[in-house]
Amino acid sequence: MNALAVVSAAFAVFLFVVALFAMTAGELRGAGLAFLSASLVIYLREKHLVGE
């Protein structure tokens, strides 16, 4: 098991949680940035860390 891949997946979940809390608080710019960051983390994880 690749530990860095697991950590990056957990970080993506954390970013989604941050985005949801930001949305409920009305911070739409922060929520959008968190969603974008989570998407990039998932992309980089799938592209570089999974399947090594």
PDB file of N, CA and C in Angstrom:
ATOM      1  N   MET A   1       0.849  -1.183   0.000  1.00  0.00           N
ATOM      2  CA  MET A   1       0.000   0.000   0.000  1.00  0.00           C
ATOM      3  C   MET A   1       0.889   1.238   0.000  1.00  0.00           C
ATOM      4  N   ASN A   2       0.563   2.190  -0.836  1.00  0.00           N
ATOM      5  CA  ASN A   2       1.321   3.428  -0.950  1.00  0.00           C
ATOM      6  C   ASN A   2       0.807   4.428   0.084  1.00  0.00           C
ATOM      7  N   ALA A   3       1.630   4.728   1.072  1.00  0.00           N
ATOM      8  CA  ALA A   3       1.208   5.613   2.170  1.00  0.00           C
ATOM      9  C   ALA A   3       0.908   7.021   1.676  1.00  0.00           C
ATOM     10  N   LEU A   4       1.674   7.507   0.722  1.00  0.00           N
ATOM     11  CA  LEU A   4       1.444   8.857   0.204  1.00  0.00           C
ATOM     12  C   LEU A   4       0.102   8.936  -0.524  1.00  0.00           C
ATOM     13  N   ALA A   5      -0.288   7.889  -1.213  1.00  0.00           N
ATOM     14  CA  ALA A   5      -1.596   7.866  -1.886  1.00  0.00           C
ATOM     15  C   ALA A   5      -2.730   7.900  -0.869  1.00  0.00           C
ATOM     16  N   VAL A   6      -2.556   7.183   0.234  1.00  0.00           N
ATOM     17  CA  VAL A   6      -3.584   7.171   1.279  1.00  0.00           C
ATOM     18  C   VAL A   6      -3.685   8.545   1.939  1.00  0.00           C
ATOM     19  N   VAL A   7      -2.557   9.166   2.209  1.00  0.00           N
ATOM     20  CA  VAL A   7      -2.549  10.497   2.823  1.00  0.00           C
ATOM     21  C   VAL A   7      -3.190  11.520   1.894  1.00  0.00           C
ATOM     22  N   SER A   8      -2.893  11.433   0.605  1.00  0.00           N
ATOM     23  CA  SER A   8      -3.484  12.387  -0.328  1.00  0.00           C
ATOM     24  C   SER A   8      -4.989  12.184  -0.454  1.00  0.00           C
ATOM     25  N   ALA A   9      -5.469  10.955  -0.372  1.00  0.00           N
ATOM     26  CA  ALA A   9      -6.911  10.704  -0.391  1.00  0.00           C
ATOM     27  C   ALA A   9      -7.572  11.294   0.854  1.00  0.00           C
ATOM     28  N   ALA A  10      -6.940  11.113   1.997  1.00  0.00           N
ATOM     29  CA  ALA A  10      -7.479  11.685   3.237  1.00  0.00           C
ATOM     30  C   ALA A  10      -7.478  13.211   3.177  1.00  0.00           C
ATOM     31  N   PHE A  11      -6.455  13.789   2.570  1.00  0.00           N
ATOM     32  CA  PHE A  11      -6.388  15.245   2.423  1.00  0.00           C
ATOM     33  C   PHE A  11      -7.495  15.742   1.501  1.00  0.00           C
ATOM     34  N   ALA A  12      -7.808  14.999   0.454  1.00  0.00           N
ATOM     35  CA  ALA A  12      -8.896  15.382  -0.451  1.00  0.00           C
ATOM     36  C   ALA A  12     -10.236  15.359   0.290  1.00  0.00           C
ATOM     37  N   VAL A  13     -10.451  14.351   1.120  1.00  0.00           N
ATOM     38  CA  VAL A  13     -11.679  14.294   1.912  1.00  0.00           C
ATOM     39  C   VAL A  13     -11.741  15.478   2.869  1.00  0.00           C
ATOM     40  N   PHE A  14     -10.624  15.807   3.486  1.00  0.00           N
ATOM     41  CA  PHE A  14     -10.570  16.972   4.381  1.00  0.00           C
ATOM     42  C   PHE A  14     -10.923  18.252   3.627  1.00  0.00           C
ATOM     43  N   LEU A  15     -10.412  18.397   2.404  1.00  0.00           N
ATOM     44  CA  LEU A  15     -10.722  19.586   1.614  1.00  0.00           C
ATOM     45  C   LEU A  15     -12.203  19.660   1.260  1.00  0.00           C
ATOM     46  N   PHE A  16     -12.820  18.502   0.987  1.00  0.00           N
ATOM     47  CA  PHE A  16     -14.260  18.499   0.728  1.00  0.00           C
ATOM     48  C   PHE A  16     -15.044  18.924   1.965  1.00  0.00           C
ATOM     49  N   VAL A  17     -14.625  18.486   3.132  1.00  0.00           N
ATOM     50  CA  VAL A  17     -15.291  18.883   4.376  1.00  0.00           C
ATOM     51  C   VAL A  17     -15.146  20.383   4.590  1.00  0.00           C
ATOM     52  N   VAL A  18     -13.953  20.908   4.354  1.00  0.00           N
ATOM     53  CA  VAL A  18     -13.731  22.352   4.481  1.00  0.00           C
ATOM     54  C   VAL A  18     -14.634  23.105   3.508  1.00  0.00           C
ATOM     55  N   ALA A  19     -14.746  22.613   2.291  1.00  0.00           N
ATOM     56  CA  ALA A  19     -15.580  23.268   1.285  1.00  0.00           C
ATOM     57  C   ALA A  19     -17.045  23.270   1.705  1.00  0.00           C
ATOM     58  N   LEU A  20     -17.516  22.161   2.256  1.00  0.00           N
ATOM     59  CA  LEU A  20     -18.913  22.103   2.683  1.00  0.00           C
ATOM     60  C   LEU A  20     -19.188  23.063   3.827  1.00  0.00           C
ATOM     61  N   PHE A  21     -18.258  23.149   4.775  1.00  0.00           N
ATOM     62  CA  PHE A  21     -18.428  24.101   5.868  1.00  0.00           C
ATOM     63  C   PHE A  21     -18.364  25.534   5.354  1.00  0.00           C
ATOM     64  N   ALA A  22     -17.504  25.799   4.397  1.00  0.00           N
ATOM     65  CA  ALA A  22     -17.418  27.142   3.836  1.00  0.00           C
ATOM     66  C   ALA A  22     -18.704  27.502   3.105  1.00  0.00           C
ATOM     67  N   MET A  23     -19.288  26.547   2.412  1.00  0.00           N
ATOM     68  CA  MET A  23     -20.552  26.808   1.716  1.00  0.00           C
ATOM     69  C   MET A  23     -21.665  27.130   2.700  1.00  0.00           C
ATOM     70  N   THR A  24     -21.731  26.389   3.790  1.00  0.00           N
ATOM     71  CA  THR A  24     -22.791  26.643   4.763  1.00  0.00           C
ATOM     72  C   THR A  24     -22.592  27.975   5.462  1.00  0.00           C
ATOM     73  N   ALA A  25     -21.363  28.433   5.553  1.00  0.00           N
ATOM     74  CA  ALA A  25     -21.081  29.720   6.177  1.00  0.00           C
ATOM     75  C   ALA A  25     -21.229  30.885   5.197  1.00  0.00           C
ATOM     76  N   GLY A  26     -21.451  30.578   3.931  1.00  0.00           N
ATOM     77  CA  GLY A  26     -21.623  31.638   2.950  1.00  0.00           C
ATOM     78  C   GLY A  26     -20.344  32.105   2.294  1.00  0.00           C
ATOM     79  N   GLU A  27     -19.249  31.432   2.581  1.00  0.00           N
ATOM     80  CA  GLU A  27     -17.957  31.781   1.977  1.00  0.00           C
ATOM     81  C   GLU A  27     -17.797  31.012   0.671  1.00  0.00           C
ATOM     82  N   LEU A  28     -18.439  31.505  -0.374  1.00  0.00           N
ATOM     83  CA  LEU A  28     -18.472  30.761  -1.625  1.00  0.00           C
ATOM     84  C   LEU A  28     -17.125  30.755  -2.333  1.00  0.00           C
ATOM     85  N   ARG A  29     -16.365  31.817  -2.209  1.00  0.00           N
ATOM     86  CA  ARG A  29     -15.041  31.843  -2.831  1.00  0.00           C
ATOM     87  C   ARG A  29     -14.121  30.815  -2.176  1.00  0.00           C
ATOM     88  N   GLY A  30     -14.161  30.743  -0.853  1.00  0.00           N
ATOM     89  CA  GLY A  30     -13.363  29.752  -0.136  1.00  0.00           C
ATOM     90  C   GLY A  30     -13.808  28.342  -0.441  1.00  0.00           C
ATOM     91  N   ALA A  31     -15.127  28.147  -0.573  1.00  0.00           N
ATOM     92  CA  ALA A  31     -15.645  26.821  -0.911  1.00  0.00           C
ATOM     93  C   ALA A  31     -15.196  26.406  -2.304  1.00  0.00           C
ATOM     94  N   GLY A  32     -15.259  27.330  -3.236  1.00  0.00           N
ATOM     95  CA  GLY A  32     -14.817  27.030  -4.597  1.00  0.00           C
ATOM     96  C   GLY A  32     -13.345  26.692  -4.655  1.00  0.00           C
ATOM     97  N   LEU A  33     -12.556  27.426  -3.903  1.00  0.00           N
ATOM     98  CA  LEU A  33     -11.122  27.160  -3.869  1.00  0.00           C
ATOM     99  C   LEU A  33     -10.835  25.795  -3.241  1.00  0.00           C
ATOM    100  N   ALA A  34     -11.579  25.442  -2.204  1.00  0.00           N
ATOM    101  CA  ALA A  34     -11.384  24.144  -1.561  1.00  0.00           C
ATOM    102  C   ALA A  34     -11.811  23.006  -2.496  1.00  0.00           C
ATOM    103  N   PHE A  35     -12.933  23.181  -3.207  1.00  0.00           N
ATOM    104  CA  PHE A  35     -13.359  22.161  -4.173  1.00  0.00           C
ATOM    105  C   PHE A  35     -12.342  22.014  -5.297  1.00  0.00           C
ATOM    106  N   LEU A  36     -11.831  23.123  -5.796  1.00  0.00           N
ATOM    107  CA  LEU A  36     -10.823  23.069  -6.851  1.00  0.00           C
ATOM    108  C   LEU A  36      -9.555  22.381  -6.354  1.00  0.00           C
ATOM    109  N   SER A  37      -9.142  22.697  -5.150  1.00  0.00           N
ATOM    110  CA  SER A  37      -7.953  22.075  -4.576  1.00  0.00           C
ATOM    111  C   SER A  37      -8.151  20.575  -4.395  1.00  0.00           C
ATOM    112  N   ALA A  38      -9.326  20.180  -3.922  1.00  0.00           N
ATOM    113  CA  ALA A  38      -9.607  18.752  -3.759  1.00  0.00           C
ATOM    114  C   ALA A  38      -9.567  18.040  -5.110  1.00  0.00           C
ATOM    115  N   SER A  39     -10.102  18.675  -6.121  1.00  0.00           N
ATOM    116  CA  SER A  39     -10.081  18.064  -7.454  1.00  0.00           C
ATOM    117  C   SER A  39      -8.657  17.898  -7.959  1.00  0.00           C
ATOM    118  N   LEU A  40      -7.828  18.886  -7.734  1.00  0.00           N
ATOM    119  CA  LEU A  40      -6.433  18.788  -8.158  1.00  0.00           C
ATOM    120  C   LEU A  40      -5.682  17.711  -7.389  1.00  0.00           C
ATOM    121  N   VAL A  41      -5.942  17.600  -6.100  1.00  0.00           N
ATOM    122  CA  VAL A  41      -5.295  16.557  -5.296  1.00  0.00           C
ATOM    123  C   VAL A  41      -5.704  15.180  -5.807  1.00  0.00           C
ATOM    124  N   ILE A  42      -6.984  15.004  -6.113  1.00  0.00           N
ATOM    125  CA  ILE A  42      -7.452  13.720  -6.635  1.00  0.00           C
ATOM    126  C   ILE A  42      -6.804  13.427  -7.986  1.00  0.00           C
ATOM    127  N   TYR A  43      -6.747  14.425  -8.850  1.00  0.00           N
ATOM    128  CA  TYR A  43      -6.125  14.234 -10.165  1.00  0.00           C
ATOM    129  C   TYR A  43      -4.657  13.828 -10.019  1.00  0.00           C
ATOM    130  N   LEU A  44      -3.916  14.567  -9.195  1.00  0.00           N
ATOM    131  CA  LEU A  44      -2.494  14.265  -9.028  1.00  0.00           C
ATOM    132  C   LEU A  44      -2.288  12.898  -8.385  1.00  0.00           C
ATOM    133  N   ARG A  45      -3.176  12.540  -7.456  1.00  0.00           N
ATOM    134  CA  ARG A  45      -3.085  11.216  -6.824  1.00  0.00           C
ATOM    135  C   ARG A  45      -3.277  10.120  -7.856  1.00  0.00           C
ATOM    136  N   GLU A  46      -4.300  10.242  -8.672  1.00  0.00           N
ATOM    137  CA  GLU A  46      -4.577   9.216  -9.668  1.00  0.00           C
ATOM    138  C   GLU A  46      -3.508   9.176 -10.758  1.00  0.00           C
ATOM    139  N   LYS A  47      -2.983  10.324 -11.103  1.00  0.00           N
ATOM    140  CA  LYS A  47      -2.003  10.408 -12.194  1.00  0.00           C
ATOM    141  C   LYS A  47      -0.624   9.887 -11.766  1.00  0.00           C
ATOM    142  N   HIS A  48      -0.187  10.198 -10.541  1.00  0.00           N
ATOM    143  CA  HIS A  48       1.196   9.943 -10.151  1.00  0.00           C
ATOM    144  C   HIS A  48       1.385   8.915  -9.031  1.00  0.00           C
ATOM    145  N   LEU A  49       0.378   8.736  -8.181  1.00  0.00           N
ATOM    146  CA  LEU A  49       0.612   7.919  -6.982  1.00  0.00           C
ATOM    147  C   LEU A  49      -0.021   6.540  -7.049  1.00  0.00           C
ATOM    148  N   VAL A  50      -1.124   6.398  -7.750  1.00  0.00           N
ATOM    149  CA  VAL A  50      -1.814   5.114  -7.804  1.00  0.00           C
ATOM    150  C   VAL A  50      -1.255   4.308  -8.966  1.00  0.00           C
ATOM    151  N   GLY A  51      -0.975   3.067  -8.735  1.00  0.00           N
ATOM    152  CA  GLY A  51      -0.498   2.188  -9.775  1.00  0.00           C
ATOM    153  C   GLY A  51       1.017   2.192  -9.934  1.00  0.00           C
ATOM    154  N   GLU A  52       1.704   2.663  -8.918  1.00  0.00           N
ATOM    155  CA  GLU A  52       3.174   2.651  -8.987  1.00  0.00           C
ATOM    156  C   GLU A  52       3.708   1.273  -8.688  1.00  0.00           C
TER     157      GLU A  52
END
